[in-house]
PDB file of N, CA and C in Angstrom:
ATOM      1  N   UNK A   1      38.765 216.270 138.769  1.00  0.00           N
ATOM      2  CA  UNK A   1      37.556 216.625 138.054  1.00  0.00           C
ATOM      3  C   UNK A   1      37.305 215.641 136.918  1.00  0.00           C
ATOM      4  N   UNK A   2      38.339 215.225 136.229  1.00  0.00           N
ATOM      5  CA  UNK A   2      38.202 214.305 135.101  1.00  0.00           C
ATOM      6  C   UNK A   2      37.507 213.021 135.531  1.00  0.00           C
ATOM      7  N   UNK A   3      37.887 212.467 136.711  1.00  0.00           N
ATOM      8  CA  UNK A   3      37.256 211.248 137.200  1.00  0.00           C
ATOM      9  C   UNK A   3      35.779 211.459 137.476  1.00  0.00           C
ATOM     10  N   UNK A   4      35.416 212.588 138.062  1.00  0.00           N
ATOM     11  CA  UNK A   4      34.021 212.860 138.391  1.00  0.00           C
ATOM     12  C   UNK A   4      33.153 212.953 137.148  1.00  0.00           C
ATOM     13  N   UNK A   5      33.676 213.538 136.078  1.00  0.00           N
ATOM     14  CA  UNK A   5      32.880 213.719 134.865  1.00  0.00           C
ATOM     15  C   UNK A   5      32.840 212.452 134.031  1.00  0.00           C
ATOM     16  N   UNK A   6      33.997 211.871 133.734  1.00  0.00           N
ATOM     17  CA  UNK A   6      34.057 210.764 132.794  1.00  0.00           C
ATOM     18  C   UNK A   6      33.776 209.402 133.402  1.00  0.00           C
ATOM     19  N   UNK A   7      34.161 209.170 134.646  1.00  0.00           N
ATOM     20  CA  UNK A   7      33.952 207.862 135.251  1.00  0.00           C
ATOM     21  C   UNK A   7      32.536 207.735 135.790  1.00  0.00           C
ATOM     22  N   UNK A   8      32.094 208.705 136.537  1.00  0.00           N
ATOM     23  CA  UNK A   8      30.761 208.649 137.135  1.00  0.00           C
ATOM     24  C   UNK A   8      29.676 209.186 136.212  1.00  0.00           C
ATOM     25  N   UNK A   9      30.073 209.799 135.110  1.00  0.00           N
ATOM     26  CA  UNK A   9      29.146 210.381 134.143  1.00  0.00           C
ATOM     27  C   UNK A   9      28.186 211.380 134.788  1.00  0.00           C
ATOM     28  N   UNK A  10      28.725 212.193 135.692  1.00  0.00           N
ATOM     29  CA  UNK A  10      27.942 213.238 136.351  1.00  0.00           C
ATOM     30  C   UNK A  10      28.367 214.579 135.765  1.00  0.00           C
ATOM     31  N   UNK A  11      27.493 215.234 135.000  1.00  0.00           N
ATOM     32  CA  UNK A  11      27.868 216.558 134.493  1.00  0.00           C
ATOM     33  C   UNK A  11      27.925 217.568 135.635  1.00  0.00           C
ATOM     34  N   UNK A  12      28.745 218.560 135.467  1.00  0.00           N
ATOM     35  CA  UNK A  12      28.871 219.633 136.446  1.00  0.00           C
ATOM     36  C   UNK A  12      28.281 220.903 135.865  1.00  0.00           C
ATOM     37  N   UNK A  13      27.828 221.773 136.741  1.00  0.00           N
ATOM     38  CA  UNK A  13      27.362 223.095 136.332  1.00  0.00           C
ATOM     39  C   UNK A  13      28.470 224.078 136.694  1.00  0.00           C
ATOM     40  N   UNK A  14      28.869 224.896 135.732  1.00  0.00           N
ATOM     41  CA  UNK A  14      29.898 225.895 136.004  1.00  0.00           C
ATOM     42  C   UNK A  14      29.366 227.294 135.718  1.00  0.00           C
ATOM     43  N   UNK A  15      29.953 228.256 136.376  1.00  0.00           N
ATOM     44  CA  UNK A  15      29.544 229.648 136.206  1.00  0.00           C
ATOM     45  C   UNK A  15      30.688 230.455 135.613  1.00  0.00           C
ATOM     46  N   UNK A  16      30.336 231.295 134.654  1.00  0.00           N
ATOM     47  CA  UNK A  16      31.269 232.284 134.109  1.00  0.00           C
ATOM     48  C   UNK A  16      30.872 233.642 134.679  1.00  0.00           C
ATOM     49  N   UNK A  17      31.834 234.361 135.207  1.00  0.00           N
ATOM     50  CA  UNK A  17      31.643 235.739 135.650  1.00  0.00           C
ATOM     51  C   UNK A  17      31.932 236.624 134.452  1.00  0.00           C
ATOM     52  N   UNK A  18      30.942 237.391 134.013  1.00  0.00           N
ATOM     53  CA  UNK A  18      31.155 238.269 132.856  1.00  0.00           C
ATOM     54  C   UNK A  18      31.995 239.479 133.240  1.00  0.00           C
ATOM     55  N   UNK A  19      32.841 239.908 132.326  1.00  0.00           N
ATOM     56  CA  UNK A  19      33.642 241.119 132.541  1.00  0.00           C
ATOM     57  C   UNK A  19      32.753 242.345 132.701  1.00  0.00           C
ATOM     58  N   UNK A  20      31.595 242.334 132.062  1.00  0.00           N
ATOM     59  CA  UNK A  20      30.672 243.468 132.107  1.00  0.00           C
ATOM     60  C   UNK A  20      29.753 243.429 133.324  1.00  0.00           C
ATOM     61  N   UNK A  21      29.885 242.410 134.174  1.00  0.00           N
ATOM     62  CA  UNK A  21      29.028 242.235 135.340  1.00  0.00           C
ATOM     63  C   UNK A  21      28.042 241.105 135.113  1.00  0.00           C
ATOM     64  N   UNK A  22      27.573 240.524 136.185  1.00  0.00           N
ATOM     65  CA  UNK A  22      26.661 239.393 136.072  1.00  0.00           C
ATOM     66  C   UNK A  22      27.414 238.127 135.716  1.00  0.00           C
ATOM     67  N   UNK A  23      26.674 237.121 135.323  1.00  0.00           N
ATOM     68  CA  UNK A  23      27.307 235.856 134.986  1.00  0.00           C
ATOM     69  C   UNK A  23      26.381 234.962 134.200  1.00  0.00           C
ATOM     70  N   UNK A  24      26.827 233.743 133.963  1.00  0.00           N
ATOM     71  CA  UNK A  24      26.111 232.801 133.107  1.00  0.00           C
ATOM     72  C   UNK A  24      26.508 231.396 133.527  1.00  0.00           C
ATOM     73  N   UNK A  25      25.563 230.456 133.519  1.00  0.00           N
ATOM     74  CA  UNK A  25      25.884 229.069 133.844  1.00  0.00           C
ATOM     75  C   UNK A  25      25.920 228.209 132.586  1.00  0.00           C
ATOM     76  N   UNK A  26      26.795 227.217 132.612  1.00  0.00           N
ATOM     77  CA  UNK A  26      26.974 226.278 131.509  1.00  0.00           C
ATOM     78  C   UNK A  26      27.062 224.877 132.091  1.00  0.00           C
ATOM     79  N   UNK A  27      26.851 223.873 131.255  1.00  0.00           N
ATOM     80  CA  UNK A  27      27.033 222.485 131.668  1.00  0.00           C
ATOM     81  C   UNK A  27      28.428 222.051 131.244  1.00  0.00           C
ATOM     82  N   UNK A  28      29.212 221.604 132.206  1.00  0.00           N
ATOM     83  CA  UNK A  28      30.544 221.078 131.934  1.00  0.00           C
ATOM     84  C   UNK A  28      30.359 219.571 131.749  1.00  0.00           C
ATOM     85  N   UNK A  29      30.449 219.109 130.506  1.00  0.00           N
ATOM     86  CA  UNK A  29      30.070 217.725 130.207  1.00  0.00           C
ATOM     87  C   UNK A  29      31.232 216.810 129.865  1.00  0.00           C
ATOM     88  N   UNK A  30      32.453 217.317 129.845  1.00  0.00           N
ATOM     89  CA  UNK A  30      33.578 216.442 129.550  1.00  0.00           C
ATOM     90  C   UNK A  30      34.916 217.124 129.705  1.00  0.00           C
ATOM     91  N   UNK A  31      35.945 216.294 129.838  1.00  0.00           N
ATOM     92  CA  UNK A  31      37.317 216.766 129.954  1.00  0.00           C
ATOM     93  C   UNK A  31      38.172 215.946 129.002  1.00  0.00           C
ATOM     94  N   UNK A  32      38.972 216.623 128.188  1.00  0.00           N
ATOM     95  CA  UNK A  32      39.933 215.963 127.315  1.00  0.00           C
ATOM     96  C   UNK A  32      41.261 216.681 127.486  1.00  0.00           C
ATOM     97  N   UNK A  33      42.195 216.032 128.142  1.00  0.00           N
ATOM     98  CA  UNK A  33      43.471 216.690 128.427  1.00  0.00           C
ATOM     99  C   UNK A  33      43.237 217.920 129.280  1.00  0.00           C
ATOM    100  N   UNK A  34      43.659 219.083 128.791  1.00  0.00           N
ATOM    101  CA  UNK A  34      43.481 220.347 129.519  1.00  0.00           C
ATOM    102  C   UNK A  34      42.276 221.138 129.031  1.00  0.00           C
ATOM    103  N   UNK A  35      41.402 220.500 128.257  1.00  0.00           N
ATOM    104  CA  UNK A  35      40.230 221.187 127.711  1.00  0.00           C
ATOM    105  C   UNK A  35      38.947 220.721 128.377  1.00  0.00           C
ATOM    106  N   UNK A  36      38.050 221.671 128.608  1.00  0.00           N
ATOM    107  CA  UNK A  36      36.730 221.378 129.159  1.00  0.00           C
ATOM    108  C   UNK A  36      35.702 221.511 128.048  1.00  0.00           C
ATOM    109  N   UNK A  37      34.804 220.544 127.951  1.00  0.00           N
ATOM    110  CA  UNK A  37      33.734 220.602 126.965  1.00  0.00           C
ATOM    111  C   UNK A  37      32.501 221.167 127.648  1.00  0.00           C
ATOM    112  N   UNK A  38      31.961 222.249 127.076  1.00  0.00           N
ATOM    113  CA  UNK A  38      30.852 222.979 127.683  1.00  0.00           C
ATOM    114  C   UNK A  38      29.633 222.990 126.779  1.00  0.00           C
ATOM    115  N   UNK A  39      28.469 222.817 127.395  1.00  0.00           N
ATOM    116  CA  UNK A  39      27.194 223.025 126.709  1.00  0.00           C
ATOM    117  C   UNK A  39      26.699 224.389 127.163  1.00  0.00           C
ATOM    118  N   UNK A  40      26.563 225.307 126.236  1.00  0.00           N
ATOM    119  CA  UNK A  40      26.118 226.670 126.530  1.00  0.00           C
ATOM    120  C   UNK A  40      24.642 226.777 126.158  1.00  0.00           C
ATOM    121  N   UNK A  41      23.749 226.988 127.149  1.00  0.00           N
ATOM    122  CA  UNK A  41      22.320 227.030 126.850  1.00  0.00           C
ATOM    123  C   UNK A  41      21.849 228.311 126.159  1.00  0.00           C
ATOM    124  N   UNK A  42      22.752 229.274 125.984  1.00  0.00           N
ATOM    125  CA  UNK A  42      22.385 230.516 125.318  1.00  0.00           C
ATOM    126  C   UNK A  42      21.940 230.210 123.893  1.00  0.00           C
ATOM    127  N   UNK A  43      20.977 230.951 123.382  1.00  0.00           N
ATOM    128  CA  UNK A  43      20.431 230.736 122.041  1.00  0.00           C
ATOM    129  C   UNK A  43      21.529 230.702 120.976  1.00  0.00           C
ATOM    130  N   UNK A  44      21.432 229.739 120.066  1.00  0.00           N
ATOM    131  CA  UNK A  44      22.341 229.557 118.922  1.00  0.00           C
ATOM    132  C   UNK A  44      23.772 229.175 119.303  1.00  0.00           C
ATOM    133  N   UNK A  45      23.995 228.693 120.517  1.00  0.00           N
ATOM    134  CA  UNK A  45      25.323 228.238 120.921  1.00  0.00           C
ATOM    135  C   UNK A  45      25.401 226.721 120.788  1.00  0.00           C
ATOM    136  N   UNK A  46      26.576 226.223 120.461  1.00  0.00           N
ATOM    137  CA  UNK A  46      26.781 224.785 120.304  1.00  0.00           C
ATOM    138  C   UNK A  46      27.767 224.292 121.361  1.00  0.00           C
ATOM    139  N   UNK A  47      27.810 222.978 121.554  1.00  0.00           N
ATOM    140  CA  UNK A  47      28.777 222.377 122.468  1.00  0.00           C
ATOM    141  C   UNK A  47      30.180 222.626 121.923  1.00  0.00           C
ATOM    142  N   UNK A  48      31.069 223.091 122.791  1.00  0.00           N
ATOM    143  CA  UNK A  48      32.415 223.462 122.342  1.00  0.00           C
ATOM    144  C   UNK A  48      33.416 223.237 123.482  1.00  0.00           C
ATOM    145  N   UNK A  49      34.668 222.981 123.136  1.00  0.00           N
ATOM    146  CA  UNK A  49      35.732 222.791 124.127  1.00  0.00           C
ATOM    147  C   UNK A  49      36.576 224.053 124.260  1.00  0.00           C
ATOM    148  N   UNK A  50      37.013 224.303 125.503  1.00  0.00           N
ATOM    149  CA  UNK A  50      37.840 225.468 125.808  1.00  0.00           C
ATOM    150  C   UNK A  50      38.980 225.044 126.726  1.00  0.00           C
ATOM    151  N   UNK A  51      40.092 225.715 126.632  1.00  0.00           N
ATOM    152  CA  UNK A  51      41.226 225.476 127.513  1.00  0.00           C
ATOM    153  C   UNK A  51      40.850 225.844 128.951  1.00  0.00           C
ATOM    154  N   UNK A  52      41.145 224.947 129.885  1.00  0.00           N
ATOM    155  CA  UNK A  52      40.874 225.196 131.301  1.00  0.00           C
ATOM    156  C   UNK A  52      41.604 226.454 131.777  1.00  0.00           C
ATOM    157  N   UNK A  53      42.859 226.599 131.405  1.00  0.00           N
ATOM    158  CA  UNK A  53      43.654 227.767 131.813  1.00  0.00           C
ATOM    159  C   UNK A  53      43.052 229.049 131.251  1.00  0.00           C
ATOM    160  N   UNK A  54      42.628 229.024 129.990  1.00  0.00           N
ATOM    161  CA  UNK A  54      42.012 230.211 129.385  1.00  0.00           C
ATOM    162  C   UNK A  54      40.725 230.582 130.112  1.00  0.00           C
ATOM    163  N   UNK A  55      39.916 229.590 130.475  1.00  0.00           N
ATOM    164  CA  UNK A  55      38.675 229.869 131.201  1.00  0.00           C
ATOM    165  C   UNK A  55      38.964 230.490 132.565  1.00  0.00           C
ATOM    166  N   UNK A  56      39.964 229.992 133.262  1.00  0.00           N
ATOM    167  CA  UNK A  56      40.329 230.553 134.570  1.00  0.00           C
ATOM    168  C   UNK A  56      40.858 231.979 134.464  1.00  0.00           C
ATOM    169  N   UNK A  57      41.672 232.232 133.456  1.00  0.00           N
ATOM    170  CA  UNK A  57      42.309 233.544 133.297  1.00  0.00           C
ATOM    171  C   UNK A  57      41.429 234.575 132.618  1.00  0.00           C
ATOM    172  N   UNK A  58      40.381 234.117 131.949  1.00  0.00           N
ATOM    173  CA  UNK A  58      39.481 235.003 131.227  1.00  0.00           C
ATOM    174  C   UNK A  58      39.589 234.791 129.735  1.00  0.00           C
ATOM    175  N   UNK A  59      38.448 234.585 129.096  1.00  0.00           N
ATOM    176  CA  UNK A  59      38.413 234.334 127.663  1.00  0.00           C
ATOM    177  C   UNK A  59      37.022 234.626 127.127  1.00  0.00           C
ATOM    178  N   UNK A  60      36.890 234.619 125.831  1.00  0.00           N
ATOM    179  CA  UNK A  60      35.576 234.766 125.203  1.00  0.00           C
ATOM    180  C   UNK A  60      35.023 233.390 124.884  1.00  0.00           C
ATOM    181  N   UNK A  61      33.772 233.166 125.273  1.00  0.00           N
ATOM    182  CA  UNK A  61      33.042 231.983 124.859  1.00  0.00           C
ATOM    183  C   UNK A  61      31.919 232.480 123.954  1.00  0.00           C
ATOM    184  N   UNK A  62      31.107 231.588 123.451  1.00  0.00           N
ATOM    185  CA  UNK A  62      30.083 231.982 122.478  1.00  0.00           C
ATOM    186  C   UNK A  62      29.117 233.041 122.999  1.00  0.00           C
ATOM    187  N   UNK A  63      28.799 232.995 124.290  1.00  0.00           N
ATOM    188  CA  UNK A  63      27.781 233.895 124.822  1.00  0.00           C
ATOM    189  C   UNK A  63      28.331 235.113 125.556  1.00  0.00           C
ATOM    190  N   UNK A  64      29.647 235.261 125.649  1.00  0.00           N
ATOM    191  CA  UNK A  64      30.196 236.426 126.317  1.00  0.00           C
ATOM    192  C   UNK A  64      31.668 236.282 126.658  1.00  0.00           C
ATOM    193  N   UNK A  65      32.191 237.269 127.391  1.00  0.00           N
ATOM    194  CA  UNK A  65      33.600 237.277 127.782  1.00  0.00           C
ATOM    195  C   UNK A  65      33.700 237.383 129.296  1.00  0.00           C
ATOM    196  N   UNK A  66      34.495 236.501 129.882  1.00  0.00           N
ATOM    197  CA  UNK A  66      34.658 236.502 131.325  1.00  0.00           C
ATOM    198  C   UNK A  66      35.573 235.380 131.765  1.00  0.00           C
ATOM    199  N   UNK A  67      35.397 234.939 133.018  1.00  0.00           N
ATOM    200  CA  UNK A  67      36.256 233.888 133.556  1.00  0.00           C
ATOM    201  C   UNK A  67      35.436 232.896 134.379  1.00  0.00           C
ATOM    202  N   UNK A  68      35.965 231.689 134.486  1.00  0.00           N
ATOM    203  CA  UNK A  68      35.365 230.577 135.227  1.00  0.00           C
ATOM    204  C   UNK A  68      35.423 230.914 136.709  1.00  0.00           C
ATOM    205  N   UNK A  69      34.246 230.986 137.381  1.00  0.00           N
ATOM    206  CA  UNK A  69      34.248 231.405 138.778  1.00  0.00           C
ATOM    207  C   UNK A  69      33.743 230.367 139.773  1.00  0.00           C
ATOM    208  N   UNK A  70      32.839 229.483 139.385  1.00  0.00           N
ATOM    209  CA  UNK A  70      32.252 228.520 140.322  1.00  0.00           C
ATOM    210  C   UNK A  70      31.915 227.209 139.610  1.00  0.00           C
ATOM    211  N   UNK A  71      31.813 226.144 140.406  1.00  0.00           N
ATOM    212  CA  UNK A  71      31.355 224.854 139.900  1.00  0.00           C
ATOM    213  C   UNK A  71      30.381 224.262 140.911  1.00  0.00           C
ATOM    214  N   UNK A  72      29.308 223.657 140.406  1.00  0.00           N
ATOM    215  CA  UNK A  72      28.349 222.939 141.240  1.00  0.00           C
ATOM    216  C   UNK A  72      28.239 221.512 140.734  1.00  0.00           C
ATOM    217  N   UNK A  73      28.080 220.573 141.662  1.00  0.00           N
ATOM    218  CA  UNK A  73      27.917 219.176 141.283  1.00  0.00           C
ATOM    219  C   UNK A  73      26.721 218.604 142.018  1.00  0.00           C
ATOM    220  N   UNK A  74      25.896 217.868 141.317  1.00  0.00           N
ATOM    221  CA  UNK A  74      24.752 217.199 141.925  1.00  0.00           C
ATOM    222  C   UNK A  74      25.205 215.838 142.435  1.00  0.00           C
ATOM    223  N   UNK A  75      24.949 215.567 143.703  1.00  0.00           N
ATOM    224  CA  UNK A  75      25.363 214.272 144.278  1.00  0.00           C
ATOM    225  C   UNK A  75      24.203 213.310 144.373  1.00  0.00           C
TER     226      UNK A  75
END
């Protein structure tokens, strides 16, 4: 994933599954070590980095609480 984001400069779209149901999409715009940098389009949210493991296992991000469920890439 790191090569796809940083070398080709292609952002990915990722989905968070909310614990309360439904979900939310974010732009995955970078990788630094084990952290993913996300742009959250929800109102008043800023670009922030999160642990990849925490996102997979479930964590709180600015717009809600859930886990990383899907990734889309534009070719």
